[in-house]
Amino acid sequence: MPKPLLYLNWNANFGPPVSTPLWTPADITTAAWYDASDASTITESGGAVSQWDDKSGNLKHLTQGVGAQQPQTGGSIGGVDAIEFDGTDDWMVAPSLGLTSDAMFIAVFDPDAETNYSIAGTTGGNTHIDLLTASTYQRVFRTTRLGAAVLGMPTNAPTILAYNADSGAPKFNTHINGADTQLDTSAFTFEDNITDICSRGGGTSSWLNGPLGEIVILDRFASDAERQKLEGYLAWKWDGGVAGTLVGLLPALHPYKSAPPTA
């Protein structure tokens, strides 16, 4: 079950705690938003997921019409319901998002001893994480990939991964659990090219083995403050209250290390 969307703050004037609404992606404009903890957004039969609805209001639903390639309900991250991918052939088809020259993709997932996987696969099929070679190959929002970057991706731990791209600046930044792991300023051409979720190149390889909890996509380059708010929201929601999980993995100076963002 999702954690309550309230946060108890101590009221210095009167003593007892007061409830403050938590911030969520509903408080901003999103290009697409997929939340596995919201069962009303999932179309399934016998646990097999054929559609995952977009909560942004833009109707950019994820689909999978092939039964053998449909992920399953019943996964969890931090005790919160997630969609489980089998690492063999499960994936979902992403529609064209209509993104322009800058965008952000952020997701929370938990690989299960996985060494070669993709969260956001692209038209060219090159965006994936290969931990056998300690490298990542990033082509999200790019016509050419950033190759062989060593970013410290985990094989077996809850993870928040963000790609933040602005072709006009230019800058392409990658963040893992709130840390700046790659800040690239080389020129690139922007492409609205996310086609696969949890695979790459039309579902041909690099399938995720493990649960995927939530994805948020923005049609803009997110400021540090906006990105950190998304990281804080995801970390506290999907943490599970276990030492060493998402909140614990946020950098020491992250603004939401001690408390989740509030509305």
Protein backbone atom coordinates (compact mmCIF):
# COMPACT_ATOMS: atom_id res chain seq x y z
CA MET A 1 0.00 0.00 0.00
CA PRO A 2 1.20 3.56 -0.66
CA LYS A 3 2.36 5.52 2.35
CA PRO A 4 -0.08 8.19 3.62
CA LEU A 5 0.20 11.49 1.81
CA LEU A 6 0.53 13.39 5.08
CA TYR A 7 3.58 14.34 7.09
CA LEU A 8 3.44 15.14 10.80
CA ASN A 9 5.30 18.35 11.68
CA TRP A 10 5.75 19.61 15.22
CA ASN A 11 3.89 22.86 15.77
CA ALA A 12 6.22 25.09 17.76
CA ASN A 13 3.42 27.42 18.86
CA PHE A 14 0.94 24.87 20.15
CA GLY A 15 2.92 21.68 20.74
CA PRO A 16 0.99 18.82 19.07
CA PRO A 17 1.94 17.68 15.57
CA VAL A 18 0.05 19.03 12.59
CA SER A 19 -0.57 17.22 9.31
CA THR A 20 1.05 18.69 6.21
CA PRO A 21 0.10 17.34 2.76
CA LEU A 22 3.01 15.70 0.97
CA TRP A 23 4.14 16.94 -2.43
CA THR A 24 3.50 14.58 -5.38
CA PRO A 25 3.95 14.86 -9.17
CA ALA A 26 0.30 15.92 -9.31
CA ASP A 27 1.56 19.33 -8.10
CA ILE A 28 3.52 19.94 -11.33
CA THR A 29 2.97 19.57 -15.08
CA THR A 30 4.14 16.14 -16.24
CA ALA A 31 4.41 14.75 -19.77
CA ALA A 32 3.75 11.22 -18.45
CA TRP A 33 3.44 9.63 -15.00
CA TYR A 34 3.15 5.93 -14.21
CA ASP A 35 2.51 4.82 -10.61
CA ALA A 36 2.28 1.09 -9.91
CA SER A 37 1.00 1.70 -6.37
CA ASP A 38 -2.23 3.04 -7.92
CA ALA A 39 -4.08 -0.16 -8.83
CA SER A 40 -6.71 1.81 -10.76
CA THR A 41 -4.09 2.58 -13.43
CA ILE A 42 -3.26 -1.08 -14.14
CA THR A 43 -5.15 -3.32 -16.55
CA GLU A 44 -4.38 -6.96 -15.78
CA SER A 45 -5.74 -10.46 -16.20
CA GLY A 46 -4.54 -13.12 -13.81
CA GLY A 47 -1.79 -10.73 -12.74
CA ALA A 48 -0.48 -10.20 -16.31
CA VAL A 49 -0.33 -6.47 -17.08
CA SER A 50 -1.51 -5.41 -20.56
CA GLN A 51 -1.77 -1.67 -19.88
CA TRP A 52 -0.33 0.81 -17.37
CA ASP A 53 -2.20 4.10 -17.50
CA ASP A 54 -0.61 7.51 -17.60
CA LYS A 55 -1.66 9.68 -14.61
CA SER A 56 -0.58 12.94 -16.26
CA GLY A 57 -3.84 13.26 -18.16
CA ASN A 58 -2.04 13.05 -21.52
CA LEU A 59 -3.20 9.46 -22.20
CA LYS A 60 0.34 8.23 -22.88
CA HIS A 61 -0.41 4.72 -21.65
CA LEU A 62 2.15 1.89 -21.64
CA THR A 63 0.94 -1.31 -23.27
CA GLN A 64 1.93 -4.90 -23.97
CA GLY A 65 -0.37 -6.97 -26.16
CA VAL A 66 1.74 -10.15 -26.21
CA GLY A 67 0.73 -12.28 -23.24
CA ALA A 68 4.10 -13.99 -22.83
CA GLN A 69 5.83 -10.59 -22.60
CA GLN A 70 3.48 -9.01 -20.07
CA PRO A 71 4.96 -8.16 -16.66
CA GLN A 72 3.11 -9.18 -13.52
CA THR A 73 1.45 -7.51 -10.58
CA GLY A 74 2.59 -8.65 -7.14
CA GLY A 75 6.02 -7.05 -7.04
CA SER A 76 6.98 -4.56 -4.36
CA ILE A 77 9.60 -2.00 -3.45
CA GLY A 78 9.78 -1.09 0.22
CA GLY A 79 6.46 -2.85 0.78
CA VAL A 80 4.71 -0.69 -1.84
CA ASP A 81 3.03 -2.46 -4.77
CA ALA A 82 5.14 -2.51 -7.94
CA ILE A 83 5.08 -4.23 -11.34
CA GLU A 84 7.41 -7.21 -11.65
CA PHE A 85 9.51 -7.82 -14.79
CA ASP A 86 11.03 -11.30 -15.31
CA GLY A 87 14.39 -10.40 -16.89
CA THR A 88 13.68 -12.75 -19.81
CA ASP A 89 11.19 -11.11 -22.16
CA ASP A 90 8.83 -8.88 -20.15
CA TRP A 91 8.60 -5.27 -21.31
CA MET A 92 6.09 -2.54 -22.12
CA VAL A 93 5.67 -0.42 -25.23
CA ALA A 94 5.89 3.34 -24.76
CA PRO A 95 3.98 5.71 -27.08
CA SER A 96 5.49 8.82 -28.62
CA LEU A 97 5.53 11.39 -25.83
CA GLY A 98 5.72 14.51 -28.00
CA LEU A 99 8.83 15.83 -26.26
CA THR A 100 10.71 18.71 -27.86
CA SER A 101 14.24 19.90 -27.11
CA ASP A 102 14.66 19.15 -23.41
CA ALA A 103 13.17 16.58 -21.05
CA MET A 104 13.64 14.57 -17.90
CA PHE A 105 13.04 10.86 -17.14
CA ILE A 106 13.11 9.56 -13.56
CA ALA A 107 12.18 6.10 -12.28
CA VAL A 108 12.41 3.92 -9.17
CA PHE A 109 13.13 0.20 -9.55
CA ASP A 110 14.90 -2.69 -7.78
CA PRO A 111 17.05 -5.02 -9.91
CA ASP A 112 17.32 -8.61 -8.69
CA ALA A 113 20.96 -9.63 -9.19
CA GLU A 114 20.66 -8.06 -12.64
CA THR A 115 23.82 -7.18 -14.59
CA ASN A 116 22.50 -6.10 -18.00
CA TYR A 117 19.23 -4.21 -18.16
CA SER A 118 17.41 -1.18 -19.51
CA ILE A 119 14.76 0.97 -17.83
CA ALA A 120 14.06 3.32 -20.74
CA GLY A 121 14.87 1.72 -24.07
CA THR A 122 15.22 3.87 -27.17
CA THR A 123 14.69 3.84 -30.91
CA GLY A 124 18.32 2.96 -31.57
CA GLY A 125 18.32 0.24 -28.93
CA ASN A 126 21.46 1.55 -27.26
CA THR A 127 20.29 2.68 -23.83
CA HIS A 128 21.22 0.00 -21.35
CA ILE A 129 23.23 -0.75 -18.26
CA ASP A 130 25.90 -3.43 -18.58
CA LEU A 131 27.38 -4.15 -15.17
CA LEU A 132 29.47 -7.01 -16.52
CA THR A 133 31.64 -4.30 -18.08
CA ALA A 134 30.87 -1.74 -15.35
CA SER A 135 29.42 0.56 -18.02
CA THR A 136 26.22 2.29 -19.08
CA TYR A 137 25.16 3.32 -22.57
CA GLN A 138 22.74 6.22 -22.58
CA ARG A 139 20.67 7.28 -25.54
CA VAL A 140 17.51 8.54 -23.85
CA PHE A 141 16.60 11.86 -25.54
CA ARG A 142 19.71 11.65 -27.78
CA THR A 143 20.32 10.65 -31.41
CA THR A 144 23.81 9.46 -30.41
CA ARG A 145 24.64 7.66 -27.22
CA LEU A 146 26.97 8.41 -24.36
CA GLY A 147 28.91 5.19 -24.15
CA ALA A 148 30.88 3.23 -21.58
CA ALA A 149 30.25 5.58 -18.66
CA VAL A 150 31.00 4.08 -15.24
CA LEU A 151 28.19 5.35 -13.02
CA GLY A 152 28.11 2.86 -10.15
CA MET A 153 24.72 1.35 -11.00
CA PRO A 154 23.67 -1.41 -8.59
CA THR A 155 23.02 -5.04 -9.44
CA ASN A 156 20.70 -5.62 -6.51
CA ALA A 157 19.32 -2.59 -4.65
CA PRO A 158 16.43 -0.12 -4.86
CA THR A 159 17.46 2.67 -7.22
CA ILE A 160 16.26 6.07 -8.40
CA LEU A 161 17.64 6.79 -11.88
CA ALA A 162 17.21 10.15 -13.63
CA TYR A 163 18.19 11.34 -17.11
CA ASN A 164 17.96 15.14 -17.53
CA ALA A 165 18.61 16.47 -21.04
CA ASP A 166 18.77 19.92 -22.64
CA SER A 167 20.08 19.99 -26.20
CA GLY A 168 20.08 23.78 -26.32
CA ALA A 169 22.48 24.28 -23.40
CA PRO A 170 23.81 21.62 -24.13
CA LYS A 171 23.83 19.36 -21.08
CA PHE A 172 22.93 15.74 -20.39
CA ASN A 173 22.99 14.84 -16.71
CA THR A 174 22.55 11.46 -15.07
CA HIS A 175 21.67 11.12 -11.38
CA ILE A 176 21.54 7.95 -9.29
CA ASN A 177 19.82 8.07 -5.90
CA GLY A 178 20.18 11.84 -5.87
CA ALA A 179 23.89 11.91 -6.66
CA ASP A 180 25.33 13.70 -9.70
CA THR A 181 26.95 10.77 -11.48
CA GLN A 182 27.40 12.27 -14.95
CA LEU A 183 27.29 15.94 -15.98
CA ASP A 184 27.97 16.00 -19.72
CA THR A 185 28.12 19.24 -21.75
CA SER A 186 28.96 17.88 -25.20
CA ALA A 187 26.65 18.89 -28.06
CA PHE A 188 23.86 16.48 -29.02
CA THR A 189 20.65 16.41 -31.03
CA PHE A 190 17.48 15.86 -29.02
CA GLU A 191 15.20 12.94 -29.91
CA ASP A 192 11.83 11.90 -28.48
CA ASN A 193 12.95 8.27 -28.61
CA ILE A 194 11.73 6.30 -25.59
CA THR A 195 10.08 3.19 -27.07
CA ASP A 196 10.62 0.45 -24.48
CA ILE A 197 10.13 0.21 -20.74
CA CYS A 198 12.41 -2.38 -19.15
CA SER A 199 13.96 -3.49 -22.42
CA ARG A 200 15.67 -1.90 -25.42
CA GLY A 201 15.36 -1.89 -29.20
CA GLY A 202 11.79 -3.18 -29.58
CA GLY A 203 11.99 -5.60 -26.70
CA THR A 204 14.99 -7.45 -28.11
CA SER A 205 17.36 -7.53 -25.12
CA SER A 206 18.45 -6.09 -21.76
CA TRP A 207 15.23 -6.91 -19.92
CA LEU A 208 14.96 -5.82 -16.29
CA ASN A 209 14.70 -8.58 -13.71
CA GLY A 210 12.86 -7.04 -10.77
CA PRO A 211 10.08 -4.63 -9.81
CA LEU A 212 9.47 -1.18 -11.30
CA GLY A 213 7.53 1.20 -9.08
CA GLU A 214 7.11 4.59 -10.70
CA ILE A 215 8.15 6.71 -13.68
CA VAL A 216 7.80 10.47 -14.12
CA ILE A 217 8.64 12.23 -17.42
CA LEU A 218 8.83 16.00 -17.86
CA ASP A 219 8.82 17.95 -21.13
CA ARG A 220 11.58 20.23 -19.83
CA PHE A 221 15.01 20.13 -18.26
CA ALA A 222 14.35 19.94 -14.53
CA SER A 223 16.05 22.43 -12.25
CA ASP A 224 18.06 21.02 -9.37
CA ALA A 225 15.24 21.96 -7.00
CA GLU A 226 12.58 20.21 -9.09
CA ARG A 227 14.72 17.11 -9.63
CA GLN A 228 15.54 16.87 -5.93
CA LYS A 229 11.86 17.21 -5.04
CA LEU A 230 11.09 14.26 -7.33
CA GLU A 231 13.94 12.25 -5.81
CA GLY A 232 12.72 13.04 -2.30
CA TYR A 233 9.14 12.09 -3.19
CA LEU A 234 10.22 8.75 -4.69
CA ALA A 235 12.73 7.93 -1.95
CA TRP A 236 10.30 8.44 0.93
CA LYS A 237 7.37 6.76 -0.84
CA TRP A 238 9.29 3.63 -1.90
CA ASP A 239 11.79 3.39 0.97
CA GLY A 240 10.05 0.91 3.26
CA GLY A 241 11.72 2.34 6.35
CA VAL A 242 14.63 -0.11 6.13
CA ALA A 243 18.16 1.12 6.86
CA GLY A 244 20.27 1.37 3.73
CA THR A 245 17.36 1.73 1.34
CA LEU A 246 16.35 4.75 -0.72
CA VAL A 247 16.26 7.54 1.87
CA GLY A 248 19.53 6.26 3.30
CA LEU A 249 21.10 6.32 -0.16
CA LEU A 250 20.35 9.99 -0.78
CA PRO A 251 23.46 12.19 -0.41
CA ALA A 252 24.04 13.65 3.06
CA LEU A 253 23.27 17.19 1.87
CA HIS A 254 20.19 16.29 -0.16
CA PRO A 255 17.34 18.65 0.86
CA TYR A 256 14.99 15.71 1.47
CA LYS A 257 17.36 13.50 3.39
CA SER A 258 15.53 14.12 6.66
CA ALA A 259 11.93 14.64 5.54
CA PRO A 260 9.85 14.23 2.37
CA PRO A 261 8.85 17.24 0.27
CA THR A 262 5.56 18.86 1.26
CA ALA A 263 3.00 20.66 -0.86
